N, C-alpha and C. Protein backbone atom coordinates (compact mmCIF):
# COMPACT_ATOMS: atom_id res chain seq x y z
N MET A 1 -70.25 29.95 -19.17
CA MET A 1 -70.50 31.35 -18.84
C MET A 1 -69.87 32.29 -19.87
N GLN A 2 -68.69 31.92 -20.36
CA GLN A 2 -68.05 32.75 -21.37
C GLN A 2 -68.82 32.73 -22.68
N VAL A 3 -69.33 31.55 -23.05
CA VAL A 3 -70.12 31.44 -24.27
C VAL A 3 -71.34 32.35 -24.18
N LEU A 4 -72.02 32.33 -23.05
CA LEU A 4 -73.19 33.18 -22.87
C LEU A 4 -72.81 34.66 -22.88
N ALA A 5 -71.71 34.98 -22.18
CA ALA A 5 -71.29 36.38 -22.08
C ALA A 5 -70.91 36.96 -23.44
N GLN A 6 -70.35 36.12 -24.30
CA GLN A 6 -69.90 36.61 -25.61
C GLN A 6 -70.95 36.44 -26.71
N GLY A 7 -72.10 35.90 -26.34
CA GLY A 7 -73.18 35.78 -27.31
C GLY A 7 -72.87 34.83 -28.45
N ILE A 8 -72.12 33.78 -28.17
CA ILE A 8 -71.79 32.80 -29.22
C ILE A 8 -73.02 31.98 -29.54
N LYS A 9 -73.41 31.96 -30.81
CA LYS A 9 -74.66 31.32 -31.24
C LYS A 9 -74.43 30.03 -32.02
N HIS A 10 -73.20 29.80 -32.45
CA HIS A 10 -72.94 28.65 -33.32
C HIS A 10 -71.53 28.12 -33.02
N VAL A 11 -71.41 26.80 -32.97
CA VAL A 11 -70.10 26.16 -32.77
C VAL A 11 -69.86 25.22 -33.95
N ASP A 12 -68.85 25.52 -34.75
CA ASP A 12 -68.55 24.70 -35.91
C ASP A 12 -67.79 23.44 -35.53
N ALA A 13 -66.87 23.56 -34.56
CA ALA A 13 -66.03 22.41 -34.20
C ALA A 13 -65.38 22.68 -32.86
N LEU A 14 -64.96 21.60 -32.22
CA LEU A 14 -64.20 21.67 -30.98
C LEU A 14 -62.86 20.98 -31.19
N LEU A 15 -61.78 21.60 -30.69
CA LEU A 15 -60.45 21.00 -30.74
C LEU A 15 -59.95 20.85 -29.31
N PHE A 16 -59.62 19.62 -28.92
CA PHE A 16 -59.09 19.37 -27.59
C PHE A 16 -57.58 19.24 -27.63
N THR A 17 -56.92 19.88 -26.68
CA THR A 17 -55.46 19.78 -26.58
C THR A 17 -55.03 18.56 -25.77
N HIS A 18 -55.79 18.24 -24.70
CA HIS A 18 -55.45 17.11 -23.84
C HIS A 18 -56.64 16.87 -22.92
N HIS A 19 -56.50 15.86 -22.04
CA HIS A 19 -57.70 15.42 -21.31
C HIS A 19 -57.75 15.85 -19.85
N HIS A 20 -56.98 16.85 -19.44
CA HIS A 20 -57.12 17.32 -18.07
C HIS A 20 -58.50 17.94 -17.87
N ALA A 21 -59.00 17.85 -16.63
CA ALA A 21 -60.39 18.20 -16.36
C ALA A 21 -60.74 19.62 -16.80
N ASP A 22 -59.84 20.58 -16.58
CA ASP A 22 -60.15 21.96 -16.91
C ASP A 22 -60.21 22.20 -18.41
N HIS A 23 -59.90 21.18 -19.20
CA HIS A 23 -59.94 21.32 -20.66
C HIS A 23 -61.03 20.47 -21.31
N ILE A 24 -61.69 19.61 -20.55
CA ILE A 24 -62.71 18.75 -21.18
C ILE A 24 -64.08 18.81 -20.50
N MET A 25 -64.16 19.31 -19.26
CA MET A 25 -65.39 19.10 -18.50
C MET A 25 -66.57 19.94 -18.97
N GLY A 26 -66.36 20.86 -19.89
CA GLY A 26 -67.48 21.61 -20.44
C GLY A 26 -68.17 20.92 -21.60
N LEU A 27 -67.71 19.72 -21.96
CA LEU A 27 -68.25 19.08 -23.16
C LEU A 27 -69.76 18.86 -23.09
N ALA A 28 -70.27 18.52 -21.92
CA ALA A 28 -71.71 18.25 -21.81
C ALA A 28 -72.54 19.49 -22.12
N ASP A 29 -71.94 20.67 -21.99
CA ASP A 29 -72.68 21.91 -22.25
C ASP A 29 -72.83 22.21 -23.73
N ILE A 30 -72.38 21.32 -24.58
CA ILE A 30 -72.55 21.50 -26.03
C ILE A 30 -74.00 21.26 -26.45
N ARG A 31 -74.79 20.67 -25.59
CA ARG A 31 -76.15 20.25 -25.95
C ARG A 31 -77.03 21.36 -26.52
N PRO A 32 -77.04 22.57 -25.95
CA PRO A 32 -77.89 23.61 -26.55
C PRO A 32 -77.54 23.91 -28.01
N PHE A 33 -76.25 23.76 -28.37
CA PHE A 33 -75.87 23.99 -29.76
C PHE A 33 -76.40 22.86 -30.65
N ASN A 34 -76.45 21.65 -30.11
CA ASN A 34 -77.05 20.55 -30.87
C ASN A 34 -78.51 20.86 -31.19
N PHE A 35 -79.24 21.36 -30.19
CA PHE A 35 -80.65 21.68 -30.41
C PHE A 35 -80.79 22.79 -31.46
N LYS A 36 -79.95 23.82 -31.32
CA LYS A 36 -80.06 24.97 -32.21
C LYS A 36 -79.63 24.63 -33.63
N GLN A 37 -78.56 23.83 -33.74
CA GLN A 37 -77.99 23.52 -35.05
C GLN A 37 -78.58 22.24 -35.65
N ASN A 38 -79.28 21.47 -34.81
CA ASN A 38 -79.87 20.20 -35.23
C ASN A 38 -78.83 19.28 -35.86
N ALA A 39 -77.68 19.21 -35.22
CA ALA A 39 -76.58 18.39 -35.73
C ALA A 39 -75.56 18.17 -34.63
N PRO A 40 -74.82 17.09 -34.71
CA PRO A 40 -73.69 16.92 -33.80
C PRO A 40 -72.59 17.92 -34.15
N VAL A 41 -71.69 18.13 -33.20
CA VAL A 41 -70.55 19.02 -33.42
C VAL A 41 -69.30 18.18 -33.63
N ASN A 42 -68.60 18.43 -34.70
CA ASN A 42 -67.33 17.72 -34.94
C ASN A 42 -66.33 18.10 -33.86
N THR A 43 -65.72 17.08 -33.27
CA THR A 43 -64.83 17.26 -32.13
C THR A 43 -63.54 16.48 -32.41
N PHE A 44 -62.41 17.16 -32.30
CA PHE A 44 -61.13 16.57 -32.69
C PHE A 44 -60.21 16.45 -31.47
N ALA A 45 -59.56 15.29 -31.35
CA ALA A 45 -58.65 15.05 -30.23
C ALA A 45 -57.66 13.97 -30.63
N SER A 46 -56.52 13.94 -29.96
CA SER A 46 -55.58 12.85 -30.18
C SER A 46 -56.24 11.53 -29.79
N PRO A 47 -55.77 10.40 -30.30
CA PRO A 47 -56.37 9.12 -29.90
C PRO A 47 -56.41 8.92 -28.39
N ARG A 48 -55.35 9.31 -27.70
CA ARG A 48 -55.30 9.15 -26.24
C ARG A 48 -56.37 10.01 -25.57
N THR A 49 -56.49 11.27 -25.99
CA THR A 49 -57.48 12.15 -25.40
C THR A 49 -58.89 11.71 -25.76
N ALA A 50 -59.10 11.26 -26.99
CA ALA A 50 -60.42 10.78 -27.41
C ALA A 50 -60.86 9.59 -26.57
N ASP A 51 -59.95 8.66 -26.31
CA ASP A 51 -60.28 7.50 -25.47
C ASP A 51 -60.69 7.94 -24.07
N TYR A 52 -59.97 8.91 -23.53
CA TYR A 52 -60.27 9.39 -22.18
C TYR A 52 -61.63 10.08 -22.15
N ILE A 53 -61.92 10.88 -23.17
CA ILE A 53 -63.21 11.57 -23.23
C ILE A 53 -64.35 10.55 -23.27
N ARG A 54 -64.17 9.48 -24.01
CA ARG A 54 -65.22 8.45 -24.08
C ARG A 54 -65.46 7.82 -22.70
N LYS A 55 -64.39 7.65 -21.92
CA LYS A 55 -64.52 7.06 -20.59
C LYS A 55 -65.18 8.02 -19.61
N VAL A 56 -64.88 9.32 -19.73
CA VAL A 56 -65.42 10.31 -18.80
C VAL A 56 -66.89 10.61 -19.09
N PHE A 57 -67.28 10.52 -20.37
CA PHE A 57 -68.63 10.86 -20.78
C PHE A 57 -69.34 9.67 -21.42
N PRO A 58 -69.48 8.55 -20.70
CA PRO A 58 -70.13 7.39 -21.32
C PRO A 58 -71.59 7.67 -21.69
N PHE A 59 -72.24 8.58 -20.96
CA PHE A 59 -73.64 8.87 -21.27
C PHE A 59 -73.79 9.54 -22.63
N ILE A 60 -72.73 10.15 -23.13
CA ILE A 60 -72.78 10.74 -24.48
C ILE A 60 -72.63 9.66 -25.53
N PHE A 61 -71.68 8.76 -25.31
CA PHE A 61 -71.30 7.84 -26.37
C PHE A 61 -72.00 6.48 -26.28
N ASP A 62 -72.55 6.15 -25.12
CA ASP A 62 -73.19 4.84 -24.96
C ASP A 62 -74.70 4.93 -24.78
N ALA A 63 -75.26 6.09 -25.02
CA ALA A 63 -76.71 6.25 -24.82
C ALA A 63 -77.47 5.38 -25.82
N PRO A 64 -78.58 4.78 -25.40
CA PRO A 64 -79.43 4.04 -26.35
C PRO A 64 -79.90 4.95 -27.46
N ASP A 65 -80.10 4.41 -28.64
CA ASP A 65 -80.48 5.21 -29.80
C ASP A 65 -81.71 6.06 -29.54
N GLU A 66 -82.67 5.51 -28.80
CA GLU A 66 -83.92 6.24 -28.58
C GLU A 66 -83.75 7.43 -27.63
N LEU A 67 -82.59 7.50 -26.94
CA LEU A 67 -82.35 8.60 -25.99
C LEU A 67 -81.29 9.59 -26.47
N LYS A 68 -80.61 9.27 -27.55
CA LYS A 68 -79.47 10.12 -27.97
C LYS A 68 -79.87 11.56 -28.24
N GLN A 69 -81.12 11.77 -28.66
CA GLN A 69 -81.55 13.14 -28.95
C GLN A 69 -81.55 14.02 -27.71
N PHE A 70 -81.57 13.39 -26.53
CA PHE A 70 -81.63 14.15 -25.28
C PHE A 70 -80.24 14.42 -24.69
N TYR A 71 -79.20 13.87 -25.28
CA TYR A 71 -77.85 14.00 -24.76
C TYR A 71 -77.01 14.85 -25.71
N PRO A 72 -75.88 15.37 -25.21
CA PRO A 72 -74.97 16.08 -26.13
C PRO A 72 -74.59 15.17 -27.29
N ARG A 73 -74.48 15.75 -28.46
CA ARG A 73 -74.12 14.97 -29.64
C ARG A 73 -72.83 15.52 -30.25
N VAL A 74 -71.83 14.69 -30.27
CA VAL A 74 -70.55 15.06 -30.88
C VAL A 74 -70.08 13.92 -31.76
N ASP A 75 -69.45 14.27 -32.86
CA ASP A 75 -68.71 13.30 -33.65
C ASP A 75 -67.25 13.42 -33.22
N LEU A 76 -66.81 12.45 -32.41
CA LEU A 76 -65.47 12.51 -31.85
C LEU A 76 -64.50 11.87 -32.83
N ILE A 77 -63.60 12.69 -33.35
CA ILE A 77 -62.70 12.28 -34.42
C ILE A 77 -61.27 12.25 -33.90
N SER A 78 -60.63 11.08 -33.98
CA SER A 78 -59.23 10.97 -33.54
C SER A 78 -58.32 11.60 -34.58
N ILE A 79 -57.46 12.46 -34.12
CA ILE A 79 -56.54 13.17 -35.00
C ILE A 79 -55.47 12.20 -35.49
N ASN A 80 -55.28 12.20 -36.79
CA ASN A 80 -54.21 11.41 -37.40
C ASN A 80 -53.62 12.23 -38.54
N GLY A 81 -52.84 13.23 -38.18
CA GLY A 81 -52.30 14.14 -39.17
C GLY A 81 -53.19 15.36 -39.33
N SER A 82 -52.93 16.14 -40.36
CA SER A 82 -53.65 17.38 -40.60
C SER A 82 -55.11 17.09 -40.96
N PHE A 83 -55.99 18.05 -40.67
CA PHE A 83 -57.41 17.90 -40.96
C PHE A 83 -58.00 19.27 -41.27
N ASP A 84 -59.16 19.28 -41.89
CA ASP A 84 -59.81 20.52 -42.31
C ASP A 84 -61.01 20.84 -41.43
N VAL A 85 -61.14 22.11 -41.09
CA VAL A 85 -62.29 22.62 -40.35
C VAL A 85 -62.69 23.95 -40.98
N CYS A 86 -63.89 24.01 -41.51
CA CYS A 86 -64.43 25.26 -42.04
C CYS A 86 -63.49 25.91 -43.05
N GLY A 87 -62.89 25.12 -43.90
CA GLY A 87 -62.02 25.65 -44.93
C GLY A 87 -60.60 25.92 -44.49
N LEU A 88 -60.30 25.70 -43.22
CA LEU A 88 -58.94 25.86 -42.71
C LEU A 88 -58.30 24.50 -42.52
N THR A 89 -57.08 24.36 -42.94
CA THR A 89 -56.34 23.13 -42.67
C THR A 89 -55.61 23.29 -41.34
N ILE A 90 -55.90 22.40 -40.40
CA ILE A 90 -55.31 22.43 -39.06
C ILE A 90 -54.14 21.44 -39.04
N HIS A 91 -53.00 21.92 -38.59
CA HIS A 91 -51.81 21.08 -38.49
C HIS A 91 -51.50 20.85 -37.00
N PRO A 92 -51.79 19.66 -36.47
CA PRO A 92 -51.48 19.38 -35.06
C PRO A 92 -50.02 18.98 -34.90
N PHE A 93 -49.47 19.27 -33.73
CA PHE A 93 -48.14 18.80 -33.39
C PHE A 93 -48.05 18.67 -31.88
N THR A 94 -47.07 17.94 -31.41
CA THR A 94 -47.00 17.59 -29.99
C THR A 94 -46.03 18.50 -29.24
N VAL A 95 -46.50 18.96 -28.08
CA VAL A 95 -45.65 19.62 -27.09
C VAL A 95 -45.83 18.85 -25.78
N TYR A 96 -45.10 19.27 -24.75
CA TYR A 96 -45.16 18.50 -23.50
C TYR A 96 -45.52 19.38 -22.31
N HIS A 97 -46.41 18.81 -21.49
CA HIS A 97 -46.94 19.41 -20.27
C HIS A 97 -46.36 18.55 -19.14
N GLY A 98 -45.11 18.85 -18.72
CA GLY A 98 -44.39 17.90 -17.90
C GLY A 98 -44.02 16.72 -18.79
N ILE A 99 -44.46 15.52 -18.39
CA ILE A 99 -44.20 14.34 -19.23
C ILE A 99 -45.39 14.00 -20.12
N MET A 100 -46.45 14.79 -20.02
CA MET A 100 -47.68 14.48 -20.75
C MET A 100 -47.67 15.12 -22.13
N PRO A 101 -47.90 14.33 -23.19
CA PRO A 101 -48.03 14.94 -24.52
C PRO A 101 -49.32 15.72 -24.65
N VAL A 102 -49.21 16.90 -25.23
CA VAL A 102 -50.35 17.79 -25.45
C VAL A 102 -50.36 18.17 -26.92
N THR A 103 -51.54 18.29 -27.50
CA THR A 103 -51.65 18.66 -28.90
C THR A 103 -51.72 20.17 -29.05
N ALA A 104 -50.81 20.72 -29.81
CA ALA A 104 -50.85 22.13 -30.21
C ALA A 104 -51.35 22.18 -31.65
N PHE A 105 -51.81 23.36 -32.07
CA PHE A 105 -52.40 23.48 -33.39
C PHE A 105 -51.84 24.69 -34.13
N ARG A 106 -51.57 24.49 -35.41
CA ARG A 106 -51.27 25.60 -36.30
C ARG A 106 -52.27 25.59 -37.45
N PHE A 107 -52.83 26.75 -37.76
CA PHE A 107 -53.65 26.89 -38.96
C PHE A 107 -53.26 28.20 -39.63
N GLU A 108 -52.92 28.07 -40.92
CA GLU A 108 -52.38 29.21 -41.67
C GLU A 108 -51.23 29.81 -40.85
N ASN A 109 -51.30 31.10 -40.52
CA ASN A 109 -50.20 31.74 -39.80
C ASN A 109 -50.55 32.02 -38.34
N THR A 110 -51.36 31.14 -37.77
CA THR A 110 -51.74 31.23 -36.36
C THR A 110 -51.41 29.92 -35.67
N ALA A 111 -50.89 29.99 -34.44
CA ALA A 111 -50.62 28.78 -33.66
C ALA A 111 -51.18 28.95 -32.26
N TYR A 112 -51.69 27.83 -31.71
CA TYR A 112 -52.27 27.81 -30.36
C TYR A 112 -51.56 26.73 -29.56
N ILE A 113 -50.92 27.14 -28.45
CA ILE A 113 -50.16 26.21 -27.62
C ILE A 113 -50.46 26.51 -26.16
N THR A 114 -51.08 25.57 -25.47
CA THR A 114 -51.35 25.77 -24.05
C THR A 114 -50.94 24.55 -23.25
N ASP A 115 -50.82 24.73 -21.93
CA ASP A 115 -50.39 23.67 -21.02
C ASP A 115 -49.10 23.04 -21.54
N VAL A 116 -48.02 23.79 -21.46
CA VAL A 116 -46.76 23.38 -22.06
C VAL A 116 -45.59 23.92 -21.23
N ASN A 117 -44.58 23.10 -21.10
CA ASN A 117 -43.30 23.60 -20.60
C ASN A 117 -42.14 23.09 -21.43
N ASN A 118 -42.47 22.44 -22.57
CA ASN A 118 -41.41 21.93 -23.44
C ASN A 118 -41.95 21.77 -24.86
N ILE A 119 -41.41 22.56 -25.77
CA ILE A 119 -41.67 22.37 -27.19
C ILE A 119 -40.48 21.63 -27.77
N PRO A 120 -40.67 20.41 -28.28
CA PRO A 120 -39.53 19.69 -28.85
C PRO A 120 -38.83 20.51 -29.92
N GLU A 121 -37.53 20.38 -29.94
CA GLU A 121 -36.72 21.20 -30.84
C GLU A 121 -37.20 21.11 -32.28
N GLU A 122 -37.56 19.90 -32.71
CA GLU A 122 -37.95 19.73 -34.11
C GLU A 122 -39.27 20.42 -34.45
N ASN A 123 -40.05 20.80 -33.42
CA ASN A 123 -41.33 21.43 -33.69
C ASN A 123 -41.25 22.95 -33.77
N PHE A 124 -40.12 23.52 -33.40
CA PHE A 124 -39.97 24.96 -33.58
C PHE A 124 -40.03 25.34 -35.06
N GLN A 125 -39.60 24.44 -35.93
CA GLN A 125 -39.64 24.73 -37.36
C GLN A 125 -41.07 24.85 -37.87
N LYS A 126 -42.04 24.33 -37.10
CA LYS A 126 -43.44 24.45 -37.48
C LYS A 126 -44.05 25.78 -37.04
N LEU A 127 -43.24 26.60 -36.40
CA LEU A 127 -43.73 27.84 -35.81
C LEU A 127 -43.07 29.07 -36.42
N THR A 128 -42.60 28.93 -37.64
CA THR A 128 -41.99 30.07 -38.32
C THR A 128 -43.04 30.89 -39.05
N ASN A 129 -42.75 32.17 -39.23
CA ASN A 129 -43.60 33.06 -40.03
C ASN A 129 -45.04 33.11 -39.54
N LEU A 130 -45.20 33.26 -38.23
CA LEU A 130 -46.53 33.36 -37.64
C LEU A 130 -46.98 34.81 -37.56
N ASP A 131 -48.24 35.04 -37.91
CA ASP A 131 -48.86 36.34 -37.62
C ASP A 131 -49.28 36.40 -36.15
N LEU A 132 -49.75 35.26 -35.61
CA LEU A 132 -50.27 35.24 -34.25
C LEU A 132 -49.86 33.95 -33.55
N LEU A 133 -49.27 34.09 -32.38
CA LEU A 133 -48.96 32.97 -31.50
C LEU A 133 -49.77 33.14 -30.22
N ILE A 134 -50.54 32.12 -29.86
CA ILE A 134 -51.25 32.09 -28.58
C ILE A 134 -50.55 31.05 -27.72
N LEU A 135 -49.98 31.48 -26.61
CA LEU A 135 -49.08 30.66 -25.80
C LEU A 135 -49.40 30.85 -24.33
N GLU A 136 -49.26 29.79 -23.56
CA GLU A 136 -49.52 29.94 -22.13
C GLU A 136 -48.35 30.59 -21.40
N ALA A 137 -48.70 31.33 -20.34
CA ALA A 137 -47.70 31.91 -19.43
C ALA A 137 -48.32 31.82 -18.04
N PHE A 138 -48.06 30.72 -17.35
CA PHE A 138 -48.88 30.30 -16.22
C PHE A 138 -48.74 31.18 -14.99
N ARG A 139 -47.50 31.49 -14.58
CA ARG A 139 -47.32 32.25 -13.35
C ARG A 139 -45.91 32.84 -13.34
N PHE A 140 -45.57 33.58 -12.30
CA PHE A 140 -44.23 34.14 -12.20
C PHE A 140 -43.18 33.06 -11.97
N GLU A 141 -43.49 32.13 -11.05
CA GLU A 141 -42.50 31.14 -10.62
C GLU A 141 -42.39 30.01 -11.63
N LYS A 142 -41.22 29.38 -11.65
CA LYS A 142 -41.02 28.20 -12.48
C LYS A 142 -41.97 27.09 -12.02
N HIS A 143 -42.46 26.29 -12.97
CA HIS A 143 -43.43 25.24 -12.67
C HIS A 143 -42.98 23.95 -13.34
N ILE A 144 -43.39 22.83 -12.77
CA ILE A 144 -42.96 21.53 -13.28
C ILE A 144 -43.56 21.20 -14.65
N SER A 145 -44.70 21.83 -15.01
CA SER A 145 -45.34 21.44 -16.26
C SER A 145 -45.95 22.60 -17.04
N HIS A 146 -45.64 23.83 -16.65
CA HIS A 146 -46.13 25.02 -17.36
C HIS A 146 -44.97 25.99 -17.56
N TYR A 147 -45.05 26.78 -18.63
CA TYR A 147 -44.10 27.88 -18.78
C TYR A 147 -44.39 28.97 -17.76
N SER A 148 -43.34 29.45 -17.12
CA SER A 148 -43.46 30.67 -16.33
C SER A 148 -43.56 31.86 -17.29
N LEU A 149 -43.83 33.03 -16.74
CA LEU A 149 -43.91 34.22 -17.57
C LEU A 149 -42.59 34.47 -18.30
N ASP A 150 -41.49 34.39 -17.58
CA ASP A 150 -40.18 34.62 -18.20
C ASP A 150 -39.88 33.59 -19.28
N GLU A 151 -40.22 32.33 -19.02
CA GLU A 151 -39.99 31.29 -20.02
C GLU A 151 -40.84 31.52 -21.27
N ALA A 152 -42.09 31.93 -21.05
CA ALA A 152 -42.97 32.20 -22.19
C ALA A 152 -42.44 33.38 -23.02
N VAL A 153 -41.95 34.41 -22.35
CA VAL A 153 -41.37 35.54 -23.07
C VAL A 153 -40.17 35.08 -23.89
N SER A 154 -39.35 34.21 -23.32
CA SER A 154 -38.17 33.70 -24.03
C SER A 154 -38.58 32.90 -25.26
N VAL A 155 -39.56 32.01 -25.10
CA VAL A 155 -40.03 31.19 -26.22
C VAL A 155 -40.66 32.07 -27.29
N ALA A 156 -41.47 33.03 -26.88
CA ALA A 156 -42.08 33.95 -27.84
C ALA A 156 -41.02 34.73 -28.60
N GLY A 157 -39.97 35.13 -27.89
CA GLY A 157 -38.88 35.84 -28.55
C GLY A 157 -38.17 34.99 -29.58
N ARG A 158 -38.07 33.70 -29.31
CA ARG A 158 -37.45 32.80 -30.28
C ARG A 158 -38.35 32.59 -31.50
N ILE A 159 -39.65 32.43 -31.29
CA ILE A 159 -40.58 32.17 -32.39
C ILE A 159 -40.78 33.41 -33.26
N LYS A 160 -40.79 34.57 -32.61
CA LYS A 160 -40.87 35.84 -33.34
C LYS A 160 -42.16 35.98 -34.17
N ALA A 161 -43.28 35.62 -33.59
CA ALA A 161 -44.55 35.90 -34.25
C ALA A 161 -44.78 37.41 -34.30
N ARG A 162 -45.56 37.85 -35.26
CA ARG A 162 -45.84 39.29 -35.36
C ARG A 162 -46.63 39.78 -34.14
N GLN A 163 -47.46 38.91 -33.58
CA GLN A 163 -48.17 39.22 -32.34
C GLN A 163 -48.24 37.97 -31.51
N THR A 164 -48.02 38.09 -30.20
CA THR A 164 -48.14 36.98 -29.27
C THR A 164 -49.11 37.35 -28.17
N LEU A 165 -50.04 36.45 -27.88
CA LEU A 165 -50.98 36.61 -26.77
C LEU A 165 -50.71 35.52 -25.75
N PHE A 166 -50.55 35.89 -24.49
CA PHE A 166 -50.38 34.91 -23.42
C PHE A 166 -51.73 34.57 -22.82
N THR A 167 -51.98 33.26 -22.69
CA THR A 167 -53.23 32.78 -22.11
C THR A 167 -52.90 31.78 -21.01
N HIS A 168 -53.95 31.20 -20.39
CA HIS A 168 -53.78 30.28 -19.26
C HIS A 168 -52.92 30.95 -18.19
N ILE A 169 -53.27 32.21 -17.88
CA ILE A 169 -52.41 33.06 -17.06
C ILE A 169 -52.89 33.11 -15.61
N SER A 170 -51.97 33.47 -14.74
CA SER A 170 -52.20 33.48 -13.31
C SER A 170 -53.11 34.62 -12.87
N HIS A 171 -53.92 34.34 -11.84
CA HIS A 171 -54.72 35.39 -11.23
C HIS A 171 -53.84 36.42 -10.51
N ALA A 172 -52.56 36.07 -10.30
CA ALA A 172 -51.64 36.99 -9.62
C ALA A 172 -51.13 38.08 -10.56
N PHE A 173 -51.38 37.95 -11.86
CA PHE A 173 -50.91 38.96 -12.81
C PHE A 173 -51.86 40.16 -12.80
N ASP A 174 -51.34 41.33 -12.53
CA ASP A 174 -52.12 42.54 -12.75
C ASP A 174 -51.99 42.88 -14.24
N HIS A 175 -53.12 42.90 -14.92
CA HIS A 175 -53.12 42.97 -16.38
C HIS A 175 -52.34 44.17 -16.90
N ASN A 176 -52.67 45.35 -16.43
CA ASN A 176 -52.02 46.56 -16.96
C ASN A 176 -50.54 46.60 -16.61
N THR A 177 -50.21 46.16 -15.39
CA THR A 177 -48.80 46.18 -14.99
C THR A 177 -47.97 45.24 -15.83
N ILE A 178 -48.44 44.01 -16.00
CA ILE A 178 -47.68 43.04 -16.79
C ILE A 178 -47.59 43.48 -18.24
N ASN A 179 -48.68 43.94 -18.80
CA ASN A 179 -48.65 44.39 -20.20
C ASN A 179 -47.63 45.50 -20.41
N SER A 180 -47.49 46.38 -19.43
CA SER A 180 -46.54 47.49 -19.57
C SER A 180 -45.10 47.01 -19.52
N GLN A 181 -44.87 45.80 -19.01
CA GLN A 181 -43.52 45.27 -18.87
C GLN A 181 -43.14 44.30 -19.98
N LEU A 182 -44.10 43.87 -20.78
CA LEU A 182 -43.82 42.89 -21.81
C LEU A 182 -43.18 43.54 -23.04
N PRO A 183 -42.38 42.77 -23.78
CA PRO A 183 -41.76 43.30 -25.00
C PRO A 183 -42.82 43.69 -26.03
N PRO A 184 -42.46 44.55 -26.97
CA PRO A 184 -43.40 44.92 -28.05
C PRO A 184 -43.91 43.68 -28.78
N GLY A 185 -45.19 43.69 -29.11
CA GLY A 185 -45.78 42.58 -29.84
C GLY A 185 -46.26 41.45 -28.97
N ILE A 186 -46.07 41.55 -27.65
CA ILE A 186 -46.51 40.51 -26.71
C ILE A 186 -47.46 41.15 -25.70
N SER A 187 -48.59 40.52 -25.45
CA SER A 187 -49.53 41.03 -24.46
C SER A 187 -50.34 39.90 -23.86
N LEU A 188 -51.01 40.19 -22.76
CA LEU A 188 -51.87 39.22 -22.11
C LEU A 188 -53.22 39.17 -22.81
N ALA A 189 -53.72 37.97 -23.01
CA ALA A 189 -55.10 37.81 -23.48
C ALA A 189 -56.06 38.13 -22.33
N TYR A 190 -57.34 38.25 -22.64
CA TYR A 190 -58.32 38.56 -21.61
C TYR A 190 -59.68 38.00 -22.03
N ASP A 191 -60.55 37.81 -21.06
CA ASP A 191 -61.88 37.30 -21.33
C ASP A 191 -62.60 38.24 -22.30
N GLY A 192 -63.18 37.66 -23.33
CA GLY A 192 -63.91 38.45 -24.31
C GLY A 192 -63.08 38.90 -25.49
N LEU A 193 -61.78 38.65 -25.46
CA LEU A 193 -60.93 39.01 -26.59
C LEU A 193 -61.32 38.20 -27.82
N THR A 194 -61.52 38.87 -28.93
CA THR A 194 -61.85 38.20 -30.18
C THR A 194 -60.65 38.29 -31.10
N VAL A 195 -60.25 37.15 -31.65
CA VAL A 195 -59.11 37.08 -32.54
C VAL A 195 -59.60 36.66 -33.92
N ILE A 196 -59.34 37.48 -34.91
CA ILE A 196 -59.72 37.17 -36.29
C ILE A 196 -58.46 37.17 -37.12
N PRO A 197 -57.91 35.98 -37.40
CA PRO A 197 -56.67 35.93 -38.18
C PRO A 197 -56.83 36.62 -39.53
N ALA A 198 -55.73 37.20 -40.01
CA ALA A 198 -55.76 38.00 -41.24
C ALA A 198 -56.31 37.21 -42.42
N GLU A 199 -55.99 35.90 -42.46
CA GLU A 199 -56.38 35.12 -43.63
C GLU A 199 -57.88 34.84 -43.71
N ILE A 200 -58.65 35.09 -42.62
CA ILE A 200 -60.09 34.84 -42.69
C ILE A 200 -60.89 36.10 -42.39
N ARG A 201 -60.26 37.28 -42.41
CA ARG A 201 -60.99 38.52 -42.19
C ARG A 201 -61.86 38.82 -43.40
């Protein structure tokens, strides 16, 4: 629905953070882009997440050759270090969603981190000198596997990106109220927000 609402006509690549249902179940909807682009879509995931995606979507990966044109087409690529997408070098690193490893991504001076309540100490060094940090802030209350709003503010304050957007946010947040209470340079993301990093403007 968001793709339709925003008029997205082309998908260059998909990056998966982890294999929870709310992060993978839209994969079958890639099919119209296959028809339009007449090509599979490069899709990147950790080996663990890639294995899970293959199990959840056997009709994509095990279809007979004569039927593959009728199914979503993706080239599922297991992440093994940094990789390039559309001229950008993507640097993956691991954070934790409870005890579950989740892949976060940095490209140029932008980082994307969702479904997280623990960034390993050694990975904070990968988050210096950011123009933009996209970070989850799940709800007001502390959670076993997500950053609360206060925790996300604390982490954002430590990272000190020039701009921070909170995503994966609670329906209990009143957008204007929360935005008015957040520190300078930090705000809530919203449906339809377009982010164009400085290095690709």
